[in-house]
Amino acid sequence: MSSVEKKTFATEAAEVMEPNNAKVEIVNVGGNRVMKIAAQPGWVWSKDIKPLVGTESCQAKHLGVIVEGTITCRHDDGSEITYTAGDAYSIEPGHDAWVVGDTKAIAYEFH
């Protein structure tokens, strides 16, 4: 038997985190974790998140799609990529990232 399930970030988030310059809402749907990430202009992982997690660079793997704004990601090896609204992305552990420009960035990630 097939089933469908939906969750609304605004009213059914299992978890909400609000680190400096960002908001992360998490729903669990279909046995998967989906995150809505809203990062404000000026958000930088190494400035806003690094003090909370204590690692030199982000050690999470990211798979998602950005729907608003622009983010640049720089890996520990120096390679860099910029992704913007409409881009799907996969980012391996070992990176820094920041919002580009004066527009908030909104992305959905799948875990």
Protein backbone atom coordinates (compact mmCIF):
# COMPACT_ATOMS: atom_id res chain seq x y z
CA MET A 1 0.00 0.00 0.00
CA SER A 2 1.40 3.40 -0.93
CA SER A 3 1.25 6.39 1.37
CA VAL A 4 1.85 10.09 1.25
CA GLU A 5 3.02 12.37 3.99
CA LYS A 6 3.56 16.10 4.25
CA LYS A 7 4.93 18.40 6.90
CA THR A 8 4.87 22.17 7.05
CA PHE A 9 8.10 23.82 8.22
CA ALA A 10 6.33 26.76 9.86
CA THR A 11 3.98 24.70 12.03
CA GLU A 12 5.33 21.13 12.19
CA ALA A 13 9.08 21.50 12.54
CA ALA A 14 10.57 18.79 14.75
CA GLU A 15 13.42 21.13 15.58
CA VAL A 16 14.20 24.82 15.08
CA MET A 17 17.68 26.27 15.57
CA GLU A 18 18.58 29.94 15.35
CA PRO A 19 22.35 30.38 15.33
CA ASN A 20 23.74 33.82 14.60
CA ASN A 21 22.42 35.21 11.27
CA ALA A 22 20.48 32.03 10.36
CA LYS A 23 17.40 29.93 11.05
CA VAL A 24 17.21 26.17 10.49
CA GLU A 25 13.87 24.34 10.53
CA ILE A 26 13.83 20.54 10.39
CA VAL A 27 10.97 18.19 9.50
CA ASN A 28 11.01 14.41 9.36
CA VAL A 29 9.02 13.14 6.43
CA GLY A 30 8.97 9.79 4.65
CA GLY A 31 11.69 8.51 6.95
CA ASN A 32 14.02 11.35 5.89
CA ARG A 33 15.18 14.55 7.51
CA VAL A 34 14.60 17.72 5.48
CA MET A 35 16.04 21.06 6.53
CA LYS A 36 15.03 24.57 5.52
CA ILE A 37 18.00 26.87 6.00
CA ALA A 38 17.61 30.65 5.86
CA ALA A 39 20.92 32.53 6.11
CA GLN A 40 21.01 36.31 6.33
CA PRO A 41 23.37 38.60 4.42
CA GLY A 42 26.66 38.59 6.30
CA TRP A 43 26.33 34.94 7.43
CA VAL A 44 29.68 33.13 7.33
CA TRP A 45 30.09 29.55 8.59
CA SER A 46 33.53 30.23 10.10
CA LYS A 47 32.21 33.27 11.98
CA ASP A 48 28.69 32.17 12.92
CA ILE A 49 28.83 28.36 13.27
CA LYS A 50 32.47 27.41 13.90
CA PRO A 51 32.39 28.71 17.52
CA LEU A 52 29.37 26.46 18.19
CA VAL A 53 30.78 23.23 16.72
CA GLY A 54 34.48 23.71 17.43
CA THR A 55 35.88 22.29 14.18
CA GLU A 56 38.21 24.17 11.84
CA SER A 57 35.81 23.71 8.91
CA CYS A 58 32.29 22.33 8.41
CA GLN A 59 32.45 18.54 8.66
CA ALA A 60 28.91 17.93 7.37
CA LYS A 61 27.97 16.65 3.93
CA HIS A 62 25.27 18.73 2.27
CA LEU A 63 22.81 17.75 -0.46
CA GLY A 64 20.21 20.29 -1.38
CA VAL A 65 18.77 22.98 -3.58
CA ILE A 66 19.00 26.73 -3.12
CA VAL A 67 15.78 28.61 -3.87
CA GLU A 68 16.78 32.17 -3.02
CA GLY A 69 20.02 34.12 -2.84
CA THR A 70 23.63 33.06 -3.39
CA ILE A 71 26.20 31.14 -1.32
CA THR A 72 29.88 30.55 -1.97
CA CYS A 73 31.59 27.47 -0.56
CA ARG A 74 35.37 27.05 -0.25
CA HIS A 75 36.81 23.60 0.47
CA ASP A 76 39.85 23.08 2.65
CA ASP A 77 41.86 22.31 -0.52
CA GLY A 78 41.10 25.83 -1.84
CA SER A 79 38.55 24.85 -4.48
CA GLU A 80 35.55 27.16 -4.53
CA ILE A 81 32.03 27.07 -5.95
CA THR A 82 29.16 29.55 -5.92
CA TYR A 83 25.59 28.38 -6.10
CA THR A 84 22.50 30.47 -6.55
CA ALA A 85 18.71 30.16 -6.76
CA GLY A 86 17.74 27.17 -8.87
CA ASP A 87 20.98 25.24 -8.32
CA ALA A 88 21.13 21.78 -6.76
CA TYR A 89 24.33 21.07 -4.85
CA SER A 90 26.38 18.41 -3.12
CA ILE A 91 29.14 19.54 -0.77
CA GLU A 92 31.60 17.19 0.92
CA PRO A 93 32.89 17.74 4.48
CA GLY A 94 35.78 20.15 4.96
CA HIS A 95 34.57 23.58 3.86
CA ASP A 96 33.62 27.12 4.80
CA ALA A 97 30.64 28.94 3.27
CA TRP A 98 29.11 32.41 3.22
CA VAL A 99 26.16 34.36 1.84
CA VAL A 100 27.08 36.52 -1.14
CA GLY A 101 25.52 39.96 -1.50
CA ASP A 102 22.68 41.58 0.37
CA THR A 103 19.94 38.99 -0.26
CA LYS A 104 19.01 36.29 2.23
CA ALA A 105 19.84 32.76 1.07
CA ILE A 106 17.24 30.00 1.47
CA ALA A 107 18.08 26.37 0.81
CA TYR A 108 16.45 22.99 1.42
CA GLU A 109 18.72 20.11 2.33
CA PHE A 110 18.03 16.37 2.46
CA HIS A 111 19.55 13.98 4.99
